[in-house]
Amino acid sequence: MAWSTSFYLVCDGLKGMPDSVNAVYKETIVQTCVVHLIRNTFKYSSKKYWAEIARDLKPVYTAVSPSAAEAAFESFRREMGYQVSGHR
C-alpha cells in the first residue's frame, strides 16, 4: 500500500522537515509535536521551575478550543510572572 498524499505530519521539529515533506507532498501541514514544544520551553527557565511550568502549561495544550488555550496561556503567563515578547 503506497501513500499518494499526506495531509498532516507531526514531527519533532527538525529544521529541514517541512521543506522536505512539502517538496514531495505540497499540501501537507507540518506541525511540531506538543511534547517537543513543551520540552523546548524548559530550556528558557531554571530547572527548579520545571515541575511548576509542566503542571501550569497542561491546561494550555489540553484546551478544548483555541480561545480556551489562549485564556489558559494568559493565566499561565500571569501566574508565572512572564512577559512573553511577541505574544499579543
N, C-alpha and C. Protein backbone atom coordinates (compact mmCIF):
# COMPACT_ATOMS: atom_id res chain seq x y z
N MET A 1 0.85 -1.18 0.00
CA MET A 1 0.00 0.00 0.00
C MET A 1 0.89 1.23 0.00
N ALA A 2 0.72 2.10 -0.95
CA ALA A 2 1.51 3.33 -1.05
C ALA A 2 0.64 4.54 -0.76
N TRP A 3 1.25 5.55 -0.18
CA TRP A 3 0.53 6.80 0.07
C TRP A 3 0.60 7.67 -1.17
N SER A 4 -0.52 8.22 -1.53
CA SER A 4 -0.49 9.17 -2.65
C SER A 4 -0.44 10.60 -2.12
N THR A 5 -0.95 10.81 -0.92
CA THR A 5 -0.98 12.15 -0.34
C THR A 5 -0.89 12.05 1.18
N SER A 6 -0.15 12.96 1.75
CA SER A 6 -0.10 13.08 3.19
C SER A 6 -0.60 14.47 3.54
N PHE A 7 -1.58 14.56 4.42
CA PHE A 7 -2.18 15.85 4.70
C PHE A 7 -1.60 16.53 5.93
N TYR A 8 -1.21 15.74 6.92
CA TYR A 8 -0.83 16.29 8.21
C TYR A 8 0.30 15.46 8.78
N LEU A 9 1.41 16.12 9.14
CA LEU A 9 2.56 15.42 9.69
C LEU A 9 2.96 16.08 11.00
N VAL A 10 3.06 15.29 12.05
CA VAL A 10 3.54 15.77 13.34
C VAL A 10 4.94 15.21 13.53
N CYS A 11 5.91 16.10 13.77
CA CYS A 11 7.30 15.66 13.90
C CYS A 11 7.97 16.37 15.08
N ASP A 12 9.25 16.10 15.23
CA ASP A 12 9.97 16.60 16.40
C ASP A 12 10.63 17.96 16.20
N GLY A 13 10.36 18.64 15.14
CA GLY A 13 10.88 19.99 14.95
C GLY A 13 12.18 20.06 14.18
N LEU A 14 12.53 19.02 13.47
CA LEU A 14 13.75 19.07 12.65
C LEU A 14 13.64 20.22 11.66
N LYS A 15 14.69 21.00 11.53
CA LYS A 15 14.65 22.22 10.72
C LYS A 15 14.27 21.98 9.27
N GLY A 16 14.77 20.96 8.63
CA GLY A 16 14.51 20.74 7.21
C GLY A 16 13.27 19.93 6.90
N MET A 17 12.61 19.43 7.93
CA MET A 17 11.46 18.54 7.72
C MET A 17 10.34 19.19 6.90
N PRO A 18 9.85 20.40 7.24
CA PRO A 18 8.76 20.98 6.45
C PRO A 18 9.11 21.12 4.97
N ASP A 19 10.30 21.59 4.65
CA ASP A 19 10.69 21.76 3.25
C ASP A 19 10.78 20.42 2.53
N SER A 20 11.35 19.43 3.20
CA SER A 20 11.49 18.11 2.58
C SER A 20 10.14 17.48 2.29
N VAL A 21 9.26 17.51 3.27
CA VAL A 21 7.93 16.91 3.09
C VAL A 21 7.15 17.67 2.03
N ASN A 22 7.17 19.00 2.09
CA ASN A 22 6.41 19.80 1.13
C ASN A 22 6.96 19.71 -0.29
N ALA A 23 8.21 19.32 -0.44
CA ALA A 23 8.76 19.12 -1.78
C ALA A 23 8.08 17.95 -2.47
N VAL A 24 7.68 16.95 -1.69
CA VAL A 24 7.05 15.76 -2.24
C VAL A 24 5.53 15.85 -2.13
N TYR A 25 5.05 16.25 -0.97
CA TYR A 25 3.60 16.36 -0.71
C TYR A 25 3.29 17.82 -0.43
N LYS A 26 2.97 18.56 -1.45
CA LYS A 26 2.84 20.02 -1.38
C LYS A 26 1.75 20.53 -0.44
N GLU A 27 0.73 19.78 -0.22
CA GLU A 27 -0.39 20.23 0.61
C GLU A 27 -0.26 19.85 2.08
N THR A 28 0.83 19.20 2.46
CA THR A 28 0.99 18.71 3.82
C THR A 28 1.19 19.84 4.82
N ILE A 29 0.50 19.75 5.92
CA ILE A 29 0.68 20.66 7.04
C ILE A 29 1.63 19.98 8.01
N VAL A 30 2.74 20.64 8.32
CA VAL A 30 3.74 20.07 9.23
C VAL A 30 3.66 20.82 10.56
N GLN A 31 3.50 20.08 11.63
CA GLN A 31 3.39 20.67 12.97
C GLN A 31 4.37 19.98 13.91
N THR A 32 4.97 20.78 14.79
CA THR A 32 5.85 20.20 15.80
C THR A 32 5.00 19.54 16.88
N CYS A 33 5.41 18.37 17.30
CA CYS A 33 4.73 17.61 18.34
C CYS A 33 4.62 18.45 19.62
N VAL A 34 3.47 18.39 20.28
CA VAL A 34 3.24 19.15 21.50
C VAL A 34 4.27 18.79 22.58
N VAL A 35 4.61 17.53 22.68
CA VAL A 35 5.60 17.12 23.68
C VAL A 35 6.94 17.82 23.42
N HIS A 36 7.34 17.89 22.16
CA HIS A 36 8.60 18.55 21.83
C HIS A 36 8.51 20.06 22.07
N LEU A 37 7.37 20.66 21.76
CA LEU A 37 7.21 22.09 22.02
C LEU A 37 7.34 22.40 23.50
N ILE A 38 6.69 21.60 24.32
CA ILE A 38 6.73 21.81 25.76
C ILE A 38 8.14 21.56 26.29
N ARG A 39 8.74 20.48 25.85
CA ARG A 39 10.10 20.16 26.29
C ARG A 39 11.04 21.31 25.96
N ASN A 40 10.86 21.95 24.82
CA ASN A 40 11.74 23.06 24.44
C ASN A 40 11.51 24.31 25.27
N THR A 41 10.38 24.45 25.94
CA THR A 41 10.16 25.63 26.78
C THR A 41 11.03 25.59 28.02
N PHE A 42 11.41 24.42 28.46
CA PHE A 42 12.19 24.30 29.70
C PHE A 42 13.57 24.92 29.59
N LYS A 43 14.13 24.95 28.40
CA LYS A 43 15.48 25.50 28.27
C LYS A 43 15.54 26.99 28.56
N TYR A 44 14.39 27.64 28.65
CA TYR A 44 14.35 29.07 28.93
C TYR A 44 14.14 29.37 30.41
N SER A 45 14.15 28.35 31.24
CA SER A 45 13.93 28.58 32.67
C SER A 45 14.91 27.75 33.50
N SER A 46 14.98 28.10 34.76
CA SER A 46 15.80 27.36 35.70
C SER A 46 15.15 26.00 35.97
N LYS A 47 15.96 25.00 36.19
CA LYS A 47 15.46 23.64 36.42
C LYS A 47 14.53 23.58 37.63
N LYS A 48 14.72 24.46 38.59
CA LYS A 48 13.87 24.43 39.79
C LYS A 48 12.41 24.76 39.49
N TYR A 49 12.13 25.35 38.33
CA TYR A 49 10.76 25.70 37.95
C TYR A 49 10.11 24.69 37.00
N TRP A 50 10.84 23.69 36.57
CA TRP A 50 10.34 22.78 35.54
C TRP A 50 9.05 22.08 35.93
N ALA A 51 8.94 21.57 37.12
CA ALA A 51 7.72 20.87 37.53
C ALA A 51 6.53 21.82 37.55
N GLU A 52 6.75 23.02 38.03
CA GLU A 52 5.68 24.03 38.08
C GLU A 52 5.26 24.44 36.67
N ILE A 53 6.22 24.63 35.79
CA ILE A 53 5.90 25.00 34.41
C ILE A 53 5.12 23.88 33.73
N ALA A 54 5.58 22.65 33.89
CA ALA A 54 4.89 21.50 33.28
C ALA A 54 3.45 21.41 33.76
N ARG A 55 3.24 21.56 35.05
CA ARG A 55 1.90 21.50 35.62
C ARG A 55 1.02 22.64 35.10
N ASP A 56 1.58 23.85 35.08
CA ASP A 56 0.78 25.02 34.72
C ASP A 56 0.55 25.16 33.21
N LEU A 57 1.37 24.50 32.39
CA LEU A 57 1.15 24.54 30.94
C LEU A 57 0.10 23.53 30.46
N LYS A 58 -0.16 22.51 31.26
CA LYS A 58 -1.08 21.45 30.83
C LYS A 58 -2.44 21.98 30.38
N PRO A 59 -3.06 22.95 31.09
CA PRO A 59 -4.35 23.47 30.60
C PRO A 59 -4.26 24.16 29.24
N VAL A 60 -3.07 24.61 28.87
CA VAL A 60 -2.90 25.26 27.56
C VAL A 60 -2.97 24.22 26.45
N TYR A 61 -2.19 23.14 26.57
CA TYR A 61 -2.16 22.18 25.47
C TYR A 61 -3.27 21.13 25.52
N THR A 62 -4.08 21.15 26.57
CA THR A 62 -5.24 20.25 26.61
C THR A 62 -6.56 21.01 26.45
N ALA A 63 -6.46 22.28 26.12
CA ALA A 63 -7.66 23.11 25.96
C ALA A 63 -8.55 22.58 24.84
N VAL A 64 -9.84 22.80 24.98
CA VAL A 64 -10.80 22.27 24.01
C VAL A 64 -10.99 23.17 22.79
N SER A 65 -10.45 24.38 22.84
CA SER A 65 -10.59 25.30 21.71
C SER A 65 -9.43 26.29 21.72
N PRO A 66 -9.21 26.95 20.60
CA PRO A 66 -8.15 27.97 20.57
C PRO A 66 -8.37 29.09 21.59
N SER A 67 -9.61 29.51 21.76
CA SER A 67 -9.86 30.58 22.72
C SER A 67 -9.61 30.11 24.16
N ALA A 68 -9.95 28.87 24.46
CA ALA A 68 -9.66 28.32 25.79
C ALA A 68 -8.16 28.19 26.01
N ALA A 69 -7.41 27.83 24.96
CA ALA A 69 -5.95 27.74 25.06
C ALA A 69 -5.35 29.11 25.31
N GLU A 70 -5.86 30.13 24.62
CA GLU A 70 -5.36 31.49 24.82
C GLU A 70 -5.64 31.97 26.24
N ALA A 71 -6.82 31.68 26.75
CA ALA A 71 -7.15 32.07 28.12
C ALA A 71 -6.27 31.34 29.13
N ALA A 72 -6.03 30.05 28.89
CA ALA A 72 -5.17 29.27 29.78
C ALA A 72 -3.73 29.78 29.73
N PHE A 73 -3.28 30.15 28.54
CA PHE A 73 -1.92 30.69 28.42
C PHE A 73 -1.80 32.03 29.13
N GLU A 74 -2.81 32.86 29.00
CA GLU A 74 -2.79 34.15 29.68
C GLU A 74 -2.73 33.95 31.20
N SER A 75 -3.48 32.99 31.70
CA SER A 75 -3.46 32.66 33.12
C SER A 75 -2.07 32.16 33.52
N PHE A 76 -1.50 31.29 32.71
CA PHE A 76 -0.14 30.78 32.96
C PHE A 76 0.85 31.93 33.00
N ARG A 77 0.76 32.82 32.03
CA ARG A 77 1.69 33.95 31.96
C ARG A 77 1.58 34.84 33.20
N ARG A 78 0.35 35.10 33.64
CA ARG A 78 0.15 35.93 34.83
C ARG A 78 0.68 35.24 36.09
N GLU A 79 0.37 33.96 36.24
CA GLU A 79 0.80 33.22 37.43
C GLU A 79 2.32 33.11 37.51
N MET A 80 2.95 32.88 36.38
CA MET A 80 4.40 32.71 36.37
C MET A 80 5.12 34.05 36.36
N GLY A 81 4.39 35.13 36.07
CA GLY A 81 5.01 36.45 36.04
C GLY A 81 5.82 36.68 34.79
N TYR A 82 5.50 35.94 33.74
CA TYR A 82 6.27 36.07 32.50
C TYR A 82 5.74 37.22 31.66
N GLN A 83 6.65 37.90 31.04
CA GLN A 83 6.33 38.85 29.98
C GLN A 83 6.79 38.20 28.69
N VAL A 84 5.88 37.70 27.93
CA VAL A 84 6.23 36.97 26.72
C VAL A 84 6.25 37.94 25.55
N SER A 85 7.42 38.22 25.04
CA SER A 85 7.52 39.17 23.94
C SER A 85 6.96 38.55 22.67
N GLY A 86 6.30 39.35 21.89
CA GLY A 86 5.73 38.88 20.63
C GLY A 86 4.39 38.22 20.78
N HIS A 87 3.91 38.01 21.99
CA HIS A 87 2.59 37.42 22.19
C HIS A 87 1.61 38.53 22.47
N ARG A 88 0.49 38.47 21.78
CA ARG A 88 -0.49 39.56 21.94
C ARG A 88 -1.25 39.43 23.21
